[in-house]
Amino acid sequence: MPSKQNIKNHRQELAALLKIYKDDMLYSGGDDHLDHKLHIFYDFCHEARVPPTQEGWAEAFSTMLIGDARNFYCDNISGRGFSFDTMVKLTRQNYEIDERHLQILSKWYSIS
């Protein structure tokens, strides 16, 4: 779990990260693809100077979430001391399931 001192030291970076994000760039868990939203997250973290470490990304993870995914984070991840990789894994396990992949593919084929 990130120490209070580290969170205090990264407050400016986290505030900068929040300012960069727009709602359509956040991961909702709905039709969003987590890997795509993680690429955006890494780019924005770099831009906001969030330390490119497991701890830095763990502190910032909730900034990339909205809606149901944010609720899932609050109910199942927040405050439990999980590593960034574990946060991503839990989020992926909750949303990136085979049934959802089939729904997205079906939607994609109906559009094209």
PDB file of N, CA and C in Angstrom:
ATOM      1  N   MET A   1       0.851  -1.176   0.000  1.00  0.00           N
ATOM      2  CA  MET A   1       0.000   0.000   0.000  1.00  0.00           C
ATOM      3  C   MET A   1       0.898   1.241   0.000  1.00  0.00           C
ATOM      4  N   PRO A   2       0.567   2.254  -0.814  1.00  0.00           N
ATOM      5  CA  PRO A   2       1.380   3.459  -0.832  1.00  0.00           C
ATOM      6  C   PRO A   2       1.389   4.137   0.531  1.00  0.00           C
ATOM      7  N   SER A   3       2.552   4.634   0.907  1.00  0.00           N
ATOM      8  CA  SER A   3       2.646   5.320   2.192  1.00  0.00           C
ATOM      9  C   SER A   3       1.997   6.690   2.095  1.00  0.00           C
ATOM     10  N   LYS A   4       1.561   7.215   3.247  1.00  0.00           N
ATOM     11  CA  LYS A   4       0.937   8.546   3.263  1.00  0.00           C
ATOM     12  C   LYS A   4       1.921   9.602   2.782  1.00  0.00           C
ATOM     13  N   GLN A   5       3.200   9.418   3.095  1.00  0.00           N
ATOM     14  CA  GLN A   5       4.214  10.380   2.667  1.00  0.00           C
ATOM     15  C   GLN A   5       4.305  10.413   1.138  1.00  0.00           C
ATOM     16  N   ASN A   6       4.296   9.245   0.500  1.00  0.00           N
ATOM     17  CA  ASN A   6       4.377   9.205  -0.955  1.00  0.00           C
ATOM     18  C   ASN A   6       3.152   9.829  -1.601  1.00  0.00           C
ATOM     19  N   ILE A   7       1.978   9.557  -1.052  1.00  0.00           N
ATOM     20  CA  ILE A   7       0.759  10.162  -1.589  1.00  0.00           C
ATOM     21  C   ILE A   7       0.841  11.675  -1.454  1.00  0.00           C
ATOM     22  N   LYS A   8       1.310  12.149  -0.319  1.00  0.00           N
ATOM     23  CA  LYS A   8       1.458  13.584  -0.103  1.00  0.00           C
ATOM     24  C   LYS A   8       2.439  14.165  -1.119  1.00  0.00           C
ATOM     25  N   ASN A   9       3.530  13.455  -1.376  1.00  0.00           N
ATOM     26  CA  ASN A   9       4.532  13.929  -2.321  1.00  0.00           C
ATOM     27  C   ASN A   9       4.025  13.932  -3.759  1.00  0.00           C
ATOM     28  N   HIS A  10       3.054  13.106  -4.076  1.00  0.00           N
ATOM     29  CA  HIS A  10       2.557  12.995  -5.442  1.00  0.00           C
ATOM     30  C   HIS A  10       1.225  13.704  -5.655  1.00  0.00           C
ATOM     31  N   ARG A  11       0.805  14.497  -4.705  1.00  0.00           N
ATOM     32  CA  ARG A  11      -0.478  15.189  -4.820  1.00  0.00           C
ATOM     33  C   ARG A  11      -0.557  16.059  -6.073  1.00  0.00           C
ATOM     34  N   GLN A  12       0.507  16.785  -6.360  1.00  0.00           N
ATOM     35  CA  GLN A  12       0.510  17.662  -7.536  1.00  0.00           C
ATOM     36  C   GLN A  12       0.387  16.856  -8.826  1.00  0.00           C
ATOM     37  N   GLU A  13       1.098  15.740  -8.888  1.00  0.00           N
ATOM     38  CA  GLU A  13       1.044  14.903 -10.079  1.00  0.00           C
ATOM     39  C   GLU A  13      -0.357  14.318 -10.274  1.00  0.00           C
ATOM     40  N   LEU A  14      -0.965  13.867  -9.179  1.00  0.00           N
ATOM     41  CA  LEU A  14      -2.313  13.300  -9.272  1.00  0.00           C
ATOM     42  C   LEU A  14      -3.330  14.369  -9.667  1.00  0.00           C
ATOM     43  N   ALA A  15      -3.169  15.576  -9.152  1.00  0.00           N
ATOM     44  CA  ALA A  15      -4.059  16.681  -9.532  1.00  0.00           C
ATOM     45  C   ALA A  15      -3.891  17.006 -11.014  1.00  0.00           C
ATOM     46  N   ALA A  16      -2.654  16.999 -11.487  1.00  0.00           N
ATOM     47  CA  ALA A  16      -2.400  17.249 -12.908  1.00  0.00           C
ATOM     48  C   ALA A  16      -3.025  16.159 -13.769  1.00  0.00           C
ATOM     49  N   LEU A  17      -2.936  14.921 -13.312  1.00  0.00           N
ATOM     50  CA  LEU A  17      -3.525  13.801 -14.042  1.00  0.00           C
ATOM     51  C   LEU A  17      -5.040  13.962 -14.157  1.00  0.00           C
ATOM     52  N   LEU A  18      -5.683  14.358 -13.080  1.00  0.00           N
ATOM     53  CA  LEU A  18      -7.137  14.567 -13.097  1.00  0.00           C
ATOM     54  C   LEU A  18      -7.541  15.632 -14.109  1.00  0.00           C
ATOM     55  N   LYS A  19      -6.724  16.670 -14.249  1.00  0.00           N
ATOM     56  CA  LYS A  19      -7.041  17.757 -15.174  1.00  0.00           C
ATOM     57  C   LYS A  19      -6.923  17.321 -16.633  1.00  0.00           C
ATOM     58  N   ILE A  20      -6.059  16.354 -16.903  1.00  0.00           N
ATOM     59  CA  ILE A  20      -5.834  15.900 -18.276  1.00  0.00           C
ATOM     60  C   ILE A  20      -7.009  15.076 -18.797  1.00  0.00           C
ATOM     61  N   TYR A  21      -7.575  14.252 -17.932  1.00  0.00           N
ATOM     62  CA  TYR A  21      -8.615  13.305 -18.342  1.00  0.00           C
ATOM     63  C   TYR A  21      -9.924  13.989 -18.716  1.00  0.00           C
ATOM     64  N   LYS A  22     -10.561  13.462 -19.769  1.00  0.00           N
ATOM     65  CA  LYS A  22     -11.933  13.801 -20.148  1.00  0.00           C
ATOM     66  C   LYS A  22     -12.751  12.525 -19.973  1.00  0.00           C
ATOM     67  N   ASP A  23     -14.048  12.645 -19.735  1.00  0.00           N
ATOM     68  CA  ASP A  23     -14.891  11.484 -19.434  1.00  0.00           C
ATOM     69  C   ASP A  23     -14.794  10.365 -20.468  1.00  0.00           C
ATOM     70  N   ASP A  24     -14.702  10.716 -21.758  1.00  0.00           N
ATOM     71  CA  ASP A  24     -14.671   9.670 -22.786  1.00  0.00           C
ATOM     72  C   ASP A  24     -13.355   8.898 -22.810  1.00  0.00           C
ATOM     73  N   MET A  25     -12.379   9.366 -22.072  1.00  0.00           N
ATOM     74  CA  MET A  25     -11.089   8.687 -21.992  1.00  0.00           C
ATOM     75  C   MET A  25     -11.002   7.748 -20.790  1.00  0.00           C
ATOM     76  N   LEU A  26     -12.001   7.797 -19.927  1.00  0.00           N
ATOM     77  CA  LEU A  26     -12.009   6.988 -18.709  1.00  0.00           C
ATOM     78  C   LEU A  26     -12.554   5.591 -18.987  1.00  0.00           C
ATOM     79  N   TYR A  27     -12.154   4.640 -18.172  1.00  0.00           N
ATOM     80  CA  TYR A  27     -12.626   3.254 -18.302  1.00  0.00           C
ATOM     81  C   TYR A  27     -13.884   3.076 -17.478  1.00  0.00           C
ATOM     82  N   SER A  28     -14.965   2.655 -18.150  1.00  0.00           N
ATOM     83  CA  SER A  28     -16.250   2.487 -17.469  1.00  0.00           C
ATOM     84  C   SER A  28     -16.584   1.027 -17.190  1.00  0.00           C
ATOM     85  N   GLY A  29     -15.861   0.132 -17.857  1.00  0.00           N
ATOM     86  CA  GLY A  29     -16.174  -1.280 -17.721  1.00  0.00           C
ATOM     87  C   GLY A  29     -17.244  -1.730 -18.685  1.00  0.00           C
ATOM     88  N   GLY A  30     -17.951  -0.802 -19.302  1.00  0.00           N
ATOM     89  CA  GLY A  30     -19.018  -1.140 -20.239  1.00  0.00           C
ATOM     90  C   GLY A  30     -18.455  -1.675 -21.538  1.00  0.00           C
ATOM     91  N   ASP A  31     -18.550  -0.881 -22.591  1.00  0.00           N
ATOM     92  CA  ASP A  31     -18.031  -1.294 -23.894  1.00  0.00           C
ATOM     93  C   ASP A  31     -16.554  -0.949 -24.061  1.00  0.00           C
ATOM     94  N   ASP A  32     -15.944  -0.394 -23.044  1.00  0.00           N
ATOM     95  CA  ASP A  32     -14.538  -0.004 -23.121  1.00  0.00           C
ATOM     96  C   ASP A  32     -13.629  -1.227 -23.117  1.00  0.00           C
ATOM     97  N   HIS A  33     -12.471  -1.054 -23.719  1.00  0.00           N
ATOM     98  CA  HIS A  33     -11.450  -2.098 -23.708  1.00  0.00           C
ATOM     99  C   HIS A  33     -10.347  -1.649 -22.748  1.00  0.00           C
ATOM    100  N   LEU A  34     -10.082  -2.452 -21.742  1.00  0.00           N
ATOM    101  CA  LEU A  34      -9.157  -2.063 -20.677  1.00  0.00           C
ATOM    102  C   LEU A  34      -7.755  -1.778 -21.204  1.00  0.00           C
ATOM    103  N   ASP A  35      -7.241  -2.595 -22.112  1.00  0.00           N
ATOM    104  CA  ASP A  35      -5.880  -2.367 -22.611  1.00  0.00           C
ATOM    105  C   ASP A  35      -5.757  -1.009 -23.292  1.00  0.00           C
ATOM    106  N   HIS A  36      -6.771  -0.631 -24.056  1.00  0.00           N
ATOM    107  CA  HIS A  36      -6.757   0.679 -24.716  1.00  0.00           C
ATOM    108  C   HIS A  36      -6.734   1.806 -23.677  1.00  0.00           C
ATOM    109  N   LYS A  37      -7.568   1.689 -22.661  1.00  0.00           N
ATOM    110  CA  LYS A  37      -7.632   2.722 -21.623  1.00  0.00           C
ATOM    111  C   LYS A  37      -6.351   2.745 -20.789  1.00  0.00           C
ATOM    112  N   LEU A  38      -5.681   1.601 -20.638  1.00  0.00           N
ATOM    113  CA  LEU A  38      -4.401   1.576 -19.920  1.00  0.00           C
ATOM    114  C   LEU A  38      -3.318   2.307 -20.706  1.00  0.00           C
ATOM    115  N   HIS A  39      -3.334   2.187 -22.033  1.00  0.00           N
ATOM    116  CA  HIS A  39      -2.363   2.936 -22.841  1.00  0.00           C
ATOM    117  C   HIS A  39      -2.548   4.436 -22.632  1.00  0.00           C
ATOM    118  N   ILE A  40      -3.789   4.876 -22.622  1.00  0.00           N
ATOM    119  CA  ILE A  40      -4.087   6.286 -22.351  1.00  0.00           C
ATOM    120  C   ILE A  40      -3.589   6.655 -20.961  1.00  0.00           C
ATOM    121  N   PHE A  41      -3.866   5.805 -19.986  1.00  0.00           N
ATOM    122  CA  PHE A  41      -3.444   6.028 -18.600  1.00  0.00           C
ATOM    123  C   PHE A  41      -1.926   6.205 -18.505  1.00  0.00           C
ATOM    124  N   TYR A  42      -1.165   5.310 -19.120  1.00  0.00           N
ATOM    125  CA  TYR A  42       0.300   5.406 -19.061  1.00  0.00           C
ATOM    126  C   TYR A  42       0.793   6.702 -19.708  1.00  0.00           C
ATOM    127  N   ASP A  43       0.209   7.059 -20.852  1.00  0.00           N
ATOM    128  CA  ASP A  43       0.602   8.304 -21.519  1.00  0.00           C
ATOM    129  C   ASP A  43       0.309   9.515 -20.642  1.00  0.00           C
ATOM    130  N   PHE A  44      -0.884   9.542 -20.056  1.00  0.00           N
ATOM    131  CA  PHE A  44      -1.263  10.666 -19.213  1.00  0.00           C
ATOM    132  C   PHE A  44      -0.435  10.712 -17.932  1.00  0.00           C
ATOM    133  N   CYS A  45      -0.131   9.555 -17.370  1.00  0.00           N
ATOM    134  CA  CYS A  45       0.728   9.521 -16.174  1.00  0.00           C
ATOM    135  C   CYS A  45       2.091  10.118 -16.492  1.00  0.00           C
ATOM    136  N   HIS A  46       2.615   9.772 -17.660  1.00  0.00           N
ATOM    137  CA  HIS A  46       3.910  10.328 -18.075  1.00  0.00           C
ATOM    138  C   HIS A  46       3.813  11.851 -18.211  1.00  0.00           C
ATOM    139  N   GLU A  47       2.757  12.305 -18.853  1.00  0.00           N
ATOM    140  CA  GLU A  47       2.552  13.744 -19.047  1.00  0.00           C
ATOM    141  C   GLU A  47       2.410  14.481 -17.713  1.00  0.00           C
ATOM    142  N   ALA A  48       1.732  13.850 -16.747  1.00  0.00           N
ATOM    143  CA  ALA A  48       1.504  14.475 -15.436  1.00  0.00           C
ATOM    144  C   ALA A  48       2.665  14.236 -14.466  1.00  0.00           C
ATOM    145  N   ARG A  49       3.667  13.491 -14.912  1.00  0.00           N
ATOM    146  CA  ARG A  49       4.859  13.183 -14.107  1.00  0.00           C
ATOM    147  C   ARG A  49       4.566  12.291 -12.900  1.00  0.00           C
ATOM    148  N   VAL A  50       3.560  11.435 -13.042  1.00  0.00           N
ATOM    149  CA  VAL A  50       3.316  10.410 -12.025  1.00  0.00           C
ATOM    150  C   VAL A  50       4.477   9.429 -12.136  1.00  0.00           C
ATOM    151  N   PRO A  51       5.108   9.059 -11.025  1.00  0.00           N
ATOM    152  CA  PRO A  51       6.249   8.141 -11.098  1.00  0.00           C
ATOM    153  C   PRO A  51       5.880   6.848 -11.838  1.00  0.00           C
ATOM    154  N   PRO A  52       6.703   6.446 -12.823  1.00  0.00           N
ATOM    155  CA  PRO A  52       6.408   5.248 -13.611  1.00  0.00           C
ATOM    156  C   PRO A  52       6.778   3.969 -12.865  1.00  0.00           C
ATOM    157  N   THR A  53       6.138   3.795 -11.726  1.00  0.00           N
ATOM    158  CA  THR A  53       6.393   2.642 -10.864  1.00  0.00           C
ATOM    159  C   THR A  53       5.064   2.001 -10.501  1.00  0.00           C
ATOM    160  N   GLN A  54       5.125   0.773 -10.013  1.00  0.00           N
ATOM    161  CA  GLN A  54       3.914   0.098  -9.543  1.00  0.00           C
ATOM    162  C   GLN A  54       3.200   0.956  -8.497  1.00  0.00           C
ATOM    163  N   GLU A  55       3.963   1.539  -7.594  1.00  0.00           N
ATOM    164  CA  GLU A  55       3.367   2.358  -6.534  1.00  0.00           C
ATOM    165  C   GLU A  55       2.729   3.624  -7.096  1.00  0.00           C
ATOM    166  N   GLY A  56       3.427   4.296  -8.001  1.00  0.00           N
ATOM    167  CA  GLY A  56       2.884   5.514  -8.605  1.00  0.00           C
ATOM    168  C   GLY A  56       1.600   5.243  -9.367  1.00  0.00           C
ATOM    169  N   TRP A  57       1.616   4.180 -10.166  1.00  0.00           N
ATOM    170  CA  TRP A  57       0.417   3.831 -10.936  1.00  0.00           C
ATOM    171  C   TRP A  57      -0.721   3.379 -10.030  1.00  0.00           C
ATOM    172  N   ALA A  58      -0.392   2.675  -8.946  1.00  0.00           N
ATOM    173  CA  ALA A  58      -1.442   2.237  -8.007  1.00  0.00           C
ATOM    174  C   ALA A  58      -2.130   3.439  -7.376  1.00  0.00           C
ATOM    175  N   GLU A  59      -1.340   4.461  -7.033  1.00  0.00           N
ATOM    176  CA  GLU A  59      -1.921   5.677  -6.452  1.00  0.00           C
ATOM    177  C   GLU A  59      -2.859   6.356  -7.439  1.00  0.00           C
ATOM    178  N   ALA A  60      -2.537   6.281  -8.715  1.00  0.00           N
ATOM    179  CA  ALA A  60      -3.278   7.010  -9.739  1.00  0.00           C
ATOM    180  C   ALA A  60      -4.386   6.187 -10.396  1.00  0.00           C
ATOM    181  N   PHE A  61      -4.444   4.897 -10.141  1.00  0.00           N
ATOM    182  CA  PHE A  61      -5.345   3.997 -10.872  1.00  0.00           C
ATOM    183  C   PHE A  61      -6.794   4.478 -10.893  1.00  0.00           C
ATOM    184  N   SER A  62      -7.303   4.925  -9.777  1.00  0.00           N
ATOM    185  CA  SER A  62      -8.723   5.309  -9.713  1.00  0.00           C
ATOM    186  C   SER A  62      -9.052   6.498 -10.612  1.00  0.00           C
ATOM    187  N   THR A  63      -8.039   7.287 -11.008  1.00  0.00           N
ATOM    188  CA  THR A  63      -8.309   8.446 -11.859  1.00  0.00           C
ATOM    189  C   THR A  63      -8.753   8.040 -13.257  1.00  0.00           C
ATOM    190  N   MET A  64      -8.475   6.802 -13.666  1.00  0.00           N
ATOM    191  CA  MET A  64      -8.844   6.363 -15.016  1.00  0.00           C
ATOM    192  C   MET A  64     -10.217   5.694 -15.061  1.00  0.00           C
ATOM    193  N   LEU A  65     -10.928   5.690 -13.928  1.00  0.00           N
ATOM    194  CA  LEU A  65     -12.188   4.951 -13.822  1.00  0.00           C
ATOM    195  C   LEU A  65     -13.394   5.882 -13.712  1.00  0.00           C
ATOM    196  N   ILE A  66     -14.523   5.405 -14.228  1.00  0.00           N
ATOM    197  CA  ILE A  66     -15.777   6.144 -14.147  1.00  0.00           C
ATOM    198  C   ILE A  66     -16.924   5.133 -14.061  1.00  0.00           C
ATOM    199  N   GLY A  67     -18.048   5.562 -13.539  1.00  0.00           N
ATOM    200  CA  GLY A  67     -19.259   4.740 -13.530  1.00  0.00           C
ATOM    201  C   GLY A  67     -19.115   3.436 -12.776  1.00  0.00           C
ATOM    202  N   ASP A  68     -19.550   2.353 -13.421  1.00  0.00           N
ATOM    203  CA  ASP A  68     -19.542   1.037 -12.790  1.00  0.00           C
ATOM    204  C   ASP A  68     -18.128   0.601 -12.404  1.00  0.00           C
ATOM    205  N   ALA A  69     -17.148   0.913 -13.246  1.00  0.00           N
ATOM    206  CA  ALA A  69     -15.765   0.527 -12.936  1.00  0.00           C
ATOM    207  C   ALA A  69     -15.268   1.263 -11.689  1.00  0.00           C
ATOM    208  N   ARG A  70     -15.661   2.509 -11.530  1.00  0.00           N
ATOM    209  CA  ARG A  70     -15.277   3.273 -10.333  1.00  0.00           C
ATOM    210  C   ARG A  70     -15.939   2.664  -9.098  1.00  0.00           C
ATOM    211  N   ASN A  71     -17.203   2.285  -9.222  1.00  0.00           N
ATOM    212  CA  ASN A  71     -17.901   1.635  -8.111  1.00  0.00           C
ATOM    213  C   ASN A  71     -17.245   0.309  -7.749  1.00  0.00           C
ATOM    214  N   PHE A  72     -16.869  -0.473  -8.765  1.00  0.00           N
ATOM    215  CA  PHE A  72     -16.178  -1.738  -8.521  1.00  0.00           C
ATOM    216  C   PHE A  72     -14.874  -1.489  -7.762  1.00  0.00           C
ATOM    217  N   TYR A  73     -14.136  -0.469  -8.182  1.00  0.00           N
ATOM    218  CA  TYR A  73     -12.885  -0.110  -7.516  1.00  0.00           C
ATOM    219  C   TYR A  73     -13.143   0.235  -6.044  1.00  0.00           C
ATOM    220  N   CYS A  74     -14.119   1.077  -5.791  1.00  0.00           N
ATOM    221  CA  CYS A  74     -14.420   1.502  -4.414  1.00  0.00           C
ATOM    222  C   CYS A  74     -14.845   0.324  -3.538  1.00  0.00           C
ATOM    223  N   ASP A  75     -15.629  -0.586  -4.096  1.00  0.00           N
ATOM    224  CA  ASP A  75     -16.154  -1.714  -3.321  1.00  0.00           C
ATOM    225  C   ASP A  75     -15.163  -2.856  -3.140  1.00  0.00           C
ATOM    226  N   ASN A  76     -14.245  -3.038  -4.092  1.00  0.00           N
ATOM    227  CA  ASN A  76     -13.428  -4.249  -4.092  1.00  0.00           C
ATOM    228  C   ASN A  76     -11.919  -4.050  -4.079  1.00  0.00           C
ATOM    229  N   ILE A  77     -11.451  -2.843  -4.354  1.00  0.00           N
ATOM    230  CA  ILE A  77     -10.010  -2.635  -4.498  1.00  0.00           C
ATOM    231  C   ILE A  77      -9.475  -1.572  -3.548  1.00  0.00           C
ATOM    232  N   SER A  78     -10.152  -0.455  -3.464  1.00  0.00           N
ATOM    233  CA  SER A  78      -9.670   0.694  -2.692  1.00  0.00           C
ATOM    234  C   SER A  78      -9.359   0.338  -1.240  1.00  0.00           C
ATOM    235  N   GLY A  79      -8.206   0.801  -0.785  1.00  0.00           N
ATOM    236  CA  GLY A  79      -7.826   0.650   0.619  1.00  0.00           C
ATOM    237  C   GLY A  79      -7.384  -0.740   1.033  1.00  0.00           C
ATOM    238  N   ARG A  80      -7.192  -1.631   0.077  1.00  0.00           N
ATOM    239  CA  ARG A  80      -6.833  -3.011   0.420  1.00  0.00           C
ATOM    240  C   ARG A  80      -5.359  -3.320   0.201  1.00  0.00           C
ATOM    241  N   GLY A  81      -4.593  -2.329  -0.201  1.00  0.00           N
ATOM    242  CA  GLY A  81      -3.150  -2.511  -0.338  1.00  0.00           C
ATOM    243  C   GLY A  81      -2.712  -3.332  -1.534  1.00  0.00           C
ATOM    244  N   PHE A  82      -3.566  -3.449  -2.545  1.00  0.00           N
ATOM    245  CA  PHE A  82      -3.210  -4.221  -3.730  1.00  0.00           C
ATOM    246  C   PHE A  82      -2.146  -3.503  -4.556  1.00  0.00           C
ATOM    247  N   SER A  83      -1.314  -4.275  -5.218  1.00  0.00           N
ATOM    248  CA  SER A  83      -0.358  -3.714  -6.172  1.00  0.00           C
ATOM    249  C   SER A  83      -1.128  -3.248  -7.413  1.00  0.00           C
ATOM    250  N   PHE A  84      -0.476  -2.442  -8.219  1.00  0.00           N
ATOM    251  CA  PHE A  84      -1.099  -1.973  -9.454  1.00  0.00           C
ATOM    252  C   PHE A  84      -1.480  -3.153 -10.345  1.00  0.00           C
ATOM    253  N   ASP A  85      -0.568  -4.110 -10.500  1.00  0.00           N
ATOM    254  CA  ASP A  85      -0.859  -5.277 -11.341  1.00  0.00           C
ATOM    255  C   ASP A  85      -2.087  -6.033 -10.846  1.00  0.00           C
ATOM    256  N   THR A  86      -2.229  -6.146  -9.541  1.00  0.00           N
ATOM    257  CA  THR A  86      -3.393  -6.835  -8.972  1.00  0.00           C
ATOM    258  C   THR A  86      -4.663  -6.031  -9.218  1.00  0.00           C
ATOM    259  N   MET A  87      -4.588  -4.707  -9.110  1.00  0.00           N
ATOM    260  CA  MET A  87      -5.749  -3.860  -9.396  1.00  0.00           C
ATOM    261  C   MET A  87      -6.228  -4.066 -10.832  1.00  0.00           C
ATOM    262  N   VAL A  88      -5.279  -4.082 -11.755  1.00  0.00           N
ATOM    263  CA  VAL A  88      -5.620  -4.282 -13.166  1.00  0.00           C
ATOM    264  C   VAL A  88      -6.198  -5.683 -13.367  1.00  0.00           C
ATOM    265  N   LYS A  89      -5.575  -6.679 -12.755  1.00  0.00           N
ATOM    266  CA  LYS A  89      -6.040  -8.066 -12.890  1.00  0.00           C
ATOM    267  C   LYS A  89      -7.475  -8.220 -12.384  1.00  0.00           C
ATOM    268  N   LEU A  90      -7.766  -7.661 -11.212  1.00  0.00           N
ATOM    269  CA  LEU A  90      -9.115  -7.757 -10.646  1.00  0.00           C
ATOM    270  C   LEU A  90     -10.142  -7.045 -11.525  1.00  0.00           C
ATOM    271  N   THR A  91      -9.760  -5.884 -12.027  1.00  0.00           N
ATOM    272  CA  THR A  91     -10.653  -5.131 -12.909  1.00  0.00           C
ATOM    273  C   THR A  91     -10.899  -5.917 -14.192  1.00  0.00           C
ATOM    274  N   ARG A  92      -9.838  -6.463 -14.754  1.00  0.00           N
ATOM    275  CA  ARG A  92      -9.958  -7.256 -15.982  1.00  0.00           C
ATOM    276  C   ARG A  92     -10.846  -8.485 -15.757  1.00  0.00           C
ATOM    277  N   GLN A  93     -10.633  -9.178 -14.643  1.00  0.00           N
ATOM    278  CA  GLN A  93     -11.433 -10.369 -14.345  1.00  0.00           C
ATOM    279  C   GLN A  93     -12.912 -10.031 -14.192  1.00  0.00           C
ATOM    280  N   ASN A  94     -13.201  -8.844 -13.707  1.00  0.00           N
ATOM    281  CA  ASN A  94     -14.593  -8.456 -13.514  1.00  0.00           C
ATOM    282  C   ASN A  94     -15.283  -8.053 -14.822  1.00  0.00           C
ATOM    283  N   TYR A  95     -14.530  -7.457 -15.750  1.00  0.00           N
ATOM    284  CA  TYR A  95     -15.152  -6.900 -16.951  1.00  0.00           C
ATOM    285  C   TYR A  95     -14.775  -7.583 -18.257  1.00  0.00           C
ATOM    286  N   GLU A  96     -13.570  -8.066 -18.363  1.00  0.00           N
ATOM    287  CA  GLU A  96     -13.097  -8.618 -19.632  1.00  0.00           C
ATOM    288  C   GLU A  96     -13.373 -10.118 -19.685  1.00  0.00           C
ATOM    289  N   ILE A  97     -14.630 -10.471 -19.691  1.00  0.00           N
ATOM    290  CA  ILE A  97     -15.030 -11.877 -19.705  1.00  0.00           C
ATOM    291  C   ILE A  97     -15.441 -12.275 -21.128  1.00  0.00           C
ATOM    292  N   ASP A  98     -15.422 -13.571 -21.412  1.00  0.00           N
ATOM    293  CA  ASP A  98     -15.711 -14.058 -22.765  1.00  0.00           C
ATOM    294  C   ASP A  98     -17.056 -13.574 -23.288  1.00  0.00           C
ATOM    295  N   GLU A  99     -18.088 -13.590 -22.459  1.00  0.00           N
ATOM    296  CA  GLU A  99     -19.417 -13.152 -22.886  1.00  0.00           C
ATOM    297  C   GLU A  99     -19.378 -11.699 -23.349  1.00  0.00           C
ATOM    298  N   ARG A 100     -18.653 -10.877 -22.642  1.00  0.00           N
ATOM    299  CA  ARG A 100     -18.539  -9.467 -22.998  1.00  0.00           C
ATOM    300  C   ARG A 100     -17.778  -9.305 -24.312  1.00  0.00           C
ATOM    301  N   HIS A 101     -16.721 -10.091 -24.490  1.00  0.00           N
ATOM    302  CA  HIS A 101     -15.970 -10.043 -25.748  1.00  0.00           C
ATOM    303  C   HIS A 101     -16.876 -10.392 -26.927  1.00  0.00           C
ATOM    304  N   LEU A 102     -17.724 -11.391 -26.756  1.00  0.00           N
ATOM    305  CA  LEU A 102     -18.647 -11.776 -27.824  1.00  0.00           C
ATOM    306  C   LEU A 102     -19.642 -10.660 -28.125  1.00  0.00           C
ATOM    307  N   GLN A 103     -20.118  -9.966 -27.093  1.00  0.00           N
ATOM    308  CA  GLN A 103     -21.039  -8.844 -27.293  1.00  0.00           C
ATOM    309  C   GLN A 103     -20.363  -7.724 -28.075  1.00  0.00           C
ATOM    310  N   ILE A 104     -19.124  -7.428 -27.731  1.00  0.00           N
ATOM    311  CA  ILE A 104     -18.389  -6.362 -28.419  1.00  0.00           C
ATOM    312  C   ILE A 104     -18.147  -6.744 -29.877  1.00  0.00           C
ATOM    313  N   LEU A 105     -17.731  -7.997 -30.120  1.00  0.00           N
ATOM    314  CA  LEU A 105     -17.520  -8.457 -31.492  1.00  0.00           C
ATOM    315  C   LEU A 105     -18.811  -8.401 -32.297  1.00  0.00           C
ATOM    316  N   SER A 106     -19.891  -8.823 -31.694  1.00  0.00           N
ATOM    317  CA  SER A 106     -21.186  -8.803 -32.358  1.00  0.00           C
ATOM    318  C   SER A 106     -21.579  -7.374 -32.726  1.00  0.00           C
ATOM    319  N   LYS A 107     -21.366  -6.462 -31.802  1.00  0.00           N
ATOM    320  CA  LYS A 107     -21.671  -5.050 -32.047  1.00  0.00           C
ATOM    321  C   LYS A 107     -20.786  -4.521 -33.176  1.00  0.00           C
ATOM    322  N   TRP A 108     -19.513  -4.881 -33.155  1.00  0.00           N
ATOM    323  CA  TRP A 108     -18.562  -4.435 -34.167  1.00  0.00           C
ATOM    324  C   TRP A 108     -18.979  -4.932 -35.555  1.00  0.00           C
ATOM    325  N   TYR A 109     -19.343  -6.213 -35.646  1.00  0.00           N
ATOM    326  CA  TYR A 109     -19.739  -6.774 -36.937  1.00  0.00           C
ATOM    327  C   TYR A 109     -21.028  -6.146 -37.454  1.00  0.00           C
ATOM    328  N   SER A 110     -21.923  -5.766 -36.571  1.00  0.00           N
ATOM    329  CA  SER A 110     -23.173  -5.144 -37.010  1.00  0.00           C
ATOM    330  C   SER A 110     -22.943  -3.731 -37.541  1.00  0.00           C
ATOM    331  N   ILE A 111     -21.867  -3.099 -37.097  1.00  0.00           N
ATOM    332  CA  ILE A 111     -21.538  -1.742 -37.552  1.00  0.00           C
ATOM    333  C   ILE A 111     -20.832  -1.786 -38.902  1.00  0.00           C
ATOM    334  N   SER A 112     -19.950  -2.787 -39.078  1.00  0.00           N
ATOM    335  CA  SER A 112     -19.143  -2.825 -40.306  1.00  0.00           C
ATOM    336  C   SER A 112     -19.780  -3.566 -41.436  1.00  0.00           C
TER     337      SER A 112
END
